[in-house]
C-alpha atoms as a PDB file:
ATOM      1  CA  MET A   1      96.922  84.353  -1.419  1.00  0.00           C
ATOM      2  CA  VAL A   2      97.409  83.112  -5.259  1.00  0.00           C
ATOM      3  CA  PRO A   3     101.746  83.362  -5.837  1.00  0.00           C
ATOM      4  CA  ARG A   4     102.515  85.777  -8.549  1.00  0.00           C
ATOM      5  CA  THR A   5     105.966  85.092 -10.788  1.00  0.00           C
ATOM      6  CA  LYS A   6     107.621  86.264 -13.463  1.00  0.00           C
ATOM      7  CA  ALA A   7     107.998  83.499 -16.141  1.00  0.00           C
ATOM      8  CA  LYS A   8     110.220  83.263 -19.301  1.00  0.00           C
ATOM      9  CA  LEU A   9     108.548  82.548 -22.826  1.00  0.00           C
ATOM     10  CA  ARG A  10     110.950  80.359 -24.628  1.00  0.00           C
ATOM     11  CA  ARG A  11     111.111  78.405 -28.033  1.00  0.00           C
ATOM     12  CA  LEU A  12     110.524  74.640 -27.756  1.00  0.00           C
ATOM     13  CA  GLY A  13     110.937  73.055 -31.201  1.00  0.00           C
ATOM     14  CA  SER A  14     108.132  74.961 -32.983  1.00  0.00           C
ATOM     15  CA  SER A  15     106.280  75.784 -29.977  1.00  0.00           C
ATOM     16  CA  PHE A  16     106.633  78.056 -26.839  1.00  0.00           C
ATOM     17  CA  GLY A  17     106.873  77.486 -23.450  1.00  0.00           C
ATOM     18  CA  PHE A  18     107.245  78.936 -20.250  1.00  0.00           C
ATOM     19  CA  VAL A  19     109.924  78.710 -17.568  1.00  0.00           C
ATOM     20  CA  VAL A  20     108.594  78.890 -14.046  1.00  0.00           C
ATOM     21  CA  PRO A  21     111.213  79.887 -11.453  1.00  0.00           C
ATOM     22  CA  SER A  22     112.119  76.897  -9.116  1.00  0.00           C
ATOM     23  CA  GLU A  23     110.809  78.803  -6.026  1.00  0.00           C
ATOM     24  CA  THR A  24     107.398  79.202  -7.458  1.00  0.00           C
ATOM     25  CA  VAL A  25     107.510  75.266  -8.230  1.00  0.00           C
ATOM     26  CA  LYS A  26     108.423  74.455  -4.464  1.00  0.00           C
ATOM     27  CA  GLN A  27     106.171  76.968  -3.155  1.00  0.00           C
ATOM     28  CA  LEU A  28     103.038  75.272  -4.970  1.00  0.00           C
ATOM     29  CA  GLY A  29     104.490  71.487  -4.945  1.00  0.00           C
ATOM     30  CA  LEU A  30     104.337  71.543  -8.683  1.00  0.00           C
ATOM     31  CA  LYS A  31     105.706  68.438 -10.809  1.00  0.00           C
ATOM     32  CA  PRO A  32     106.005  67.798 -14.658  1.00  0.00           C
ATOM     33  CA  GLY A  33     102.510  67.176 -15.966  1.00  0.00           C
ATOM     34  CA  ASP A  34     100.553  69.615 -13.763  1.00  0.00           C
ATOM     35  CA  GLU A  35      98.222  72.016 -15.255  1.00  0.00           C
ATOM     36  CA  VAL A  36      98.239  75.522 -14.234  1.00  0.00           C
ATOM     37  CA  ILE A  37      96.139  78.414 -15.072  1.00  0.00           C
ATOM     38  CA  LEU A  38      98.259  81.437 -16.347  1.00  0.00           C
ATOM     39  CA  GLU A  39      96.983  85.114 -16.228  1.00  0.00           C
ATOM     40  CA  ILE A  40      99.587  86.662 -18.518  1.00  0.00           C
ATOM     41  CA  ASP A  41     100.450  90.382 -18.654  1.00  0.00           C
ATOM     42  CA  ARG A  42     103.462  91.562 -20.995  1.00  0.00           C
ATOM     43  CA  ALA A  43     106.398  92.826 -18.648  1.00  0.00           C
ATOM     44  CA  GLY A  44     107.077  96.111 -19.995  1.00  0.00           C
ATOM     45  CA  VAL A  45     110.700  97.733 -19.996  1.00  0.00           C
ATOM     46  CA  GLU A  46     109.921  99.861 -16.984  1.00  0.00           C
ATOM     47  CA  ASP A  47     108.870  96.412 -14.831  1.00  0.00           C
ATOM     48  CA  ALA A  48     111.936  94.754 -16.168  1.00  0.00           C
ATOM     49  CA  PHE A  49     114.441  97.350 -15.656  1.00  0.00           C
ATOM     50  CA  GLY A  50     112.641  99.474 -12.865  1.00  0.00           C
ATOM     51  CA  SER A  51     115.512  99.073 -10.544  1.00  0.00           C
ATOM     52  CA  MET A  52     118.228 100.177 -12.791  1.00  0.00           C
ATOM     53  CA  LYS A  53     116.763 103.404 -13.710  1.00  0.00           C
ATOM     54  CA  ASP A  54     119.868 105.370 -12.597  1.00  0.00           C
ATOM     55  CA  TRP A  55     122.349 102.758 -14.022  1.00  0.00           C
ATOM     56  CA  VAL A  56     125.122 104.537 -15.958  1.00  0.00           C
ATOM     57  CA  VAL A  57     127.111 102.647 -18.418  1.00  0.00           C
ATOM     58  CA  ASN A  58     129.896 103.481 -20.807  1.00  0.00           C
ATOM     59  CA  PRO A  59     128.580 102.193 -24.143  1.00  0.00           C
ATOM     60  CA  GLN A  60     131.703 101.880 -25.628  1.00  0.00           C
ATOM     61  CA  LYS A  61     133.108  99.743 -22.727  1.00  0.00           C
ATOM     62  CA  LEU A  62     129.693  97.836 -22.962  1.00  0.00           C
ATOM     63  CA  LYS A  63     130.268  97.290 -26.541  1.00  0.00           C
ATOM     64  CA  HIS A  64     133.720  95.730 -25.663  1.00  0.00           C
ATOM     65  CA  GLU A  65     132.684  93.368 -22.966  1.00  0.00           C
ATOM     66  CA  VAL A  66     129.659  91.998 -25.084  1.00  0.00           C
ATOM     67  CA  ARG A  67     132.097  91.067 -28.219  1.00  0.00           C
ATOM     68  CA  LYS A  68     134.479  89.687 -25.844  1.00  0.00           C
ATOM     69  CA  GLY A  69     132.588  86.078 -26.349  1.00  0.00           C
ATOM     70  CA  TRP A  70     132.146  86.491 -30.189  1.00  0.00           C
END
């Protein structure tokens, strides 16, 4: 079975690149310079936050927490 994983798209200078989780790199024995084939599906909000559907948060408290580092 072909491993399936999520990877983040990041800006690398004027280009973009994918960050592949280290578990996947180890499982496949990948190393820098290896060529891979990507099948790309855009992860939706449902996919990214499906486990947090019932999460309740106080928006005011969240705003204060986020602004602490500014």
